[in-house]
Structures are given as structure tokens and as C-alpha cells.
Protein backbone atom coordinates (compact mmCIF):
# COMPACT_ATOMS: atom_id res chain seq x y z
CA MET A 1 65.01 5.33 -38.83
CA SER A 2 63.17 1.98 -38.00
CA PHE A 3 62.51 3.09 -34.81
CA LEU A 4 60.53 6.55 -36.14
CA ILE A 5 58.24 4.45 -37.89
CA LEU A 6 57.78 1.94 -35.28
CA ALA A 7 57.02 4.96 -32.93
CA ALA A 8 54.43 6.13 -35.39
CA ALA A 9 52.95 2.50 -36.10
CA MET A 10 52.38 2.37 -32.61
CA THR A 11 50.76 5.65 -31.32
CA LEU A 12 48.49 4.89 -34.91
CA GLN A 13 47.50 1.27 -33.05
CA VAL A 14 46.36 3.44 -29.96
CA GLN A 15 44.44 5.33 -31.80
CA VAL A 16 42.61 2.61 -33.41
CA PHE A 17 41.76 0.74 -30.13
CA THR A 18 40.91 4.26 -28.01
CA ALA A 19 38.56 5.88 -30.73
CA GLN A 20 35.33 2.88 -30.84
CA PRO A 21 32.43 4.19 -30.77
CA LEU A 22 30.77 3.38 -27.70
CA PRO A 23 26.87 2.47 -27.18
CA PRO A 24 24.51 5.37 -27.46
CA PRO A 25 23.62 6.09 -23.54
CA ARG A 26 19.75 4.77 -22.63
CA PRO A 27 17.11 6.74 -22.50
CA ARG A 28 16.81 7.60 -18.52
CA ALA A 29 12.97 7.22 -17.17
CA PRO A 30 11.81 10.43 -14.83
CA ALA A 31 12.46 9.55 -11.10
CA THR A 32 8.70 9.52 -10.26
CA GLU A 33 7.95 7.81 -6.69
CA PRO A 34 4.95 5.97 -5.48
CA ALA A 35 2.45 8.21 -3.92
CA THR A 36 2.09 5.58 -0.60
CA ALA A 37 5.48 5.42 0.02
CA GLY A 38 6.34 7.85 2.69
CA ALA A 39 9.67 10.12 2.95
CA GLY A 40 11.72 7.97 5.31
CA GLU A 41 10.65 4.63 3.22
CA ALA A 42 12.92 3.19 -0.01
CA ALA A 43 9.68 2.40 -1.84
CA ALA A 44 10.77 -1.94 -3.31
CA PRO A 45 12.48 -2.31 -6.53
CA THR A 46 10.44 -3.50 -9.27
CA GLU A 47 11.61 -6.66 -11.16
CA THR A 48 12.98 -4.51 -14.20
CA ASP A 49 15.17 -2.18 -11.86
CA LEU A 50 16.20 -5.92 -10.74
CA ASP A 51 16.91 -6.58 -13.94
CA ARG A 52 18.89 -3.41 -15.44
CA VAL A 53 22.50 -3.79 -16.15
CA VAL A 54 24.87 -1.54 -14.31
CA CYS A 55 28.77 -0.91 -15.48
CA ARG A 56 31.07 0.18 -13.77
CA MET A 57 35.12 0.80 -13.95
CA GLU A 58 36.86 -1.75 -11.10
CA PRO A 59 40.39 -2.02 -10.28
CA VAL A 60 42.96 -4.89 -11.94
CA THR A 61 45.92 -6.16 -9.44
CA GLY A 62 48.74 -5.91 -10.68
CA SER A 63 47.55 -2.77 -13.48
CA ARG A 64 46.72 0.54 -14.35
CA PHE A 65 43.94 0.14 -16.25
CA PRO A 66 40.55 -0.52 -14.54
CA ARG A 67 38.21 -3.32 -16.19
CA ARG A 68 35.16 -2.87 -17.03
CA VAL A 69 32.23 -4.89 -15.11
CA CYS A 70 29.07 -5.02 -16.16
CA ARG A 71 26.00 -6.65 -14.30
CA THR A 72 22.43 -6.27 -13.33
CA GLU A 73 21.80 -4.97 -10.41
CA ARG A 74 20.03 -8.21 -8.70
CA GLN A 75 23.41 -9.60 -9.33
CA ASN A 76 24.98 -7.02 -7.19
CA GLN A 77 22.43 -7.17 -4.93
CA SER A 78 23.62 -10.51 -4.60
CA GLU A 79 26.78 -10.41 -3.70
CA ARG A 80 27.05 -7.31 -1.74
CA ASN A 81 24.82 -9.94 0.32
CA GLU A 82 26.86 -12.18 0.15
CA SER A 83 30.09 -10.25 1.13
CA ARG A 84 28.14 -8.78 4.36
CA ASP A 85 27.30 -12.04 5.37
CA MET A 86 30.32 -12.97 5.05
CA LEU A 87 31.83 -10.38 7.15
CA GLN A 88 29.71 -11.41 9.66
CA LYS A 89 30.83 -14.91 9.90
CA ILE A 90 34.45 -13.77 10.06
CA GLN A 91 33.94 -11.35 12.95
CA LYS A 92 32.29 -13.65 15.36
CA LEU A 93 35.23 -16.69 14.84
CA PRO A 94 36.93 -16.91 17.83
CA ASP A 95 40.43 -15.31 18.18
CA ILE A 96 42.87 -17.93 17.16
CA PRO A 97 46.19 -17.48 20.06
CA ALA A 98 49.90 -16.96 18.56
């Protein structure tokens, strides 16, 4: 009997945590490109584009549940650049004899 009560309580608890309302979606700006940009050229990001917050789900080591990570575009660009630079430095290192 106590097992059934415990199972019901855990089920209700899970439903409460998963039923939290999500924030309302942001309105998207119309996708327009300036007339001066060529077909092969990408328009330079504006200051407001770099400060826009983007959220994504990242896997967590040792867990099956991903974690939600929110960063600005500026932070994402910085992290990509640092990762690329570190990879290039590692690839330029001389081979270590075993």
C-alpha cells in the first residue's frame, strides 16, 4: 500500500516540475538583407545581433539529460574562435616520441 502512495506521489511531483510554463516566444525580425551585400558576401553582424541571447541544449557528461545553456552571439563567437585557435596550436605541436 505504501508503495502505491509513494509511486503516486513521485508521479505527481514529476508532472509538477515538467508543467512549468515556458516564456513567451520573442517576435522575429523580418529576414531582410541590405541591398549593398553581394550574393557571396555575408552582411556584418550588427551590435544588436551580437547581444541577442541564444539558448541551446548541451549534453552533460555522465547524464542522459541535456542542460539548457543560454549565451549571447558574442559569447558564442568568442568560444568558437578560442576553440579554433586552441585546435590550431595543438596541431602545430611537434610529435612526442613514445
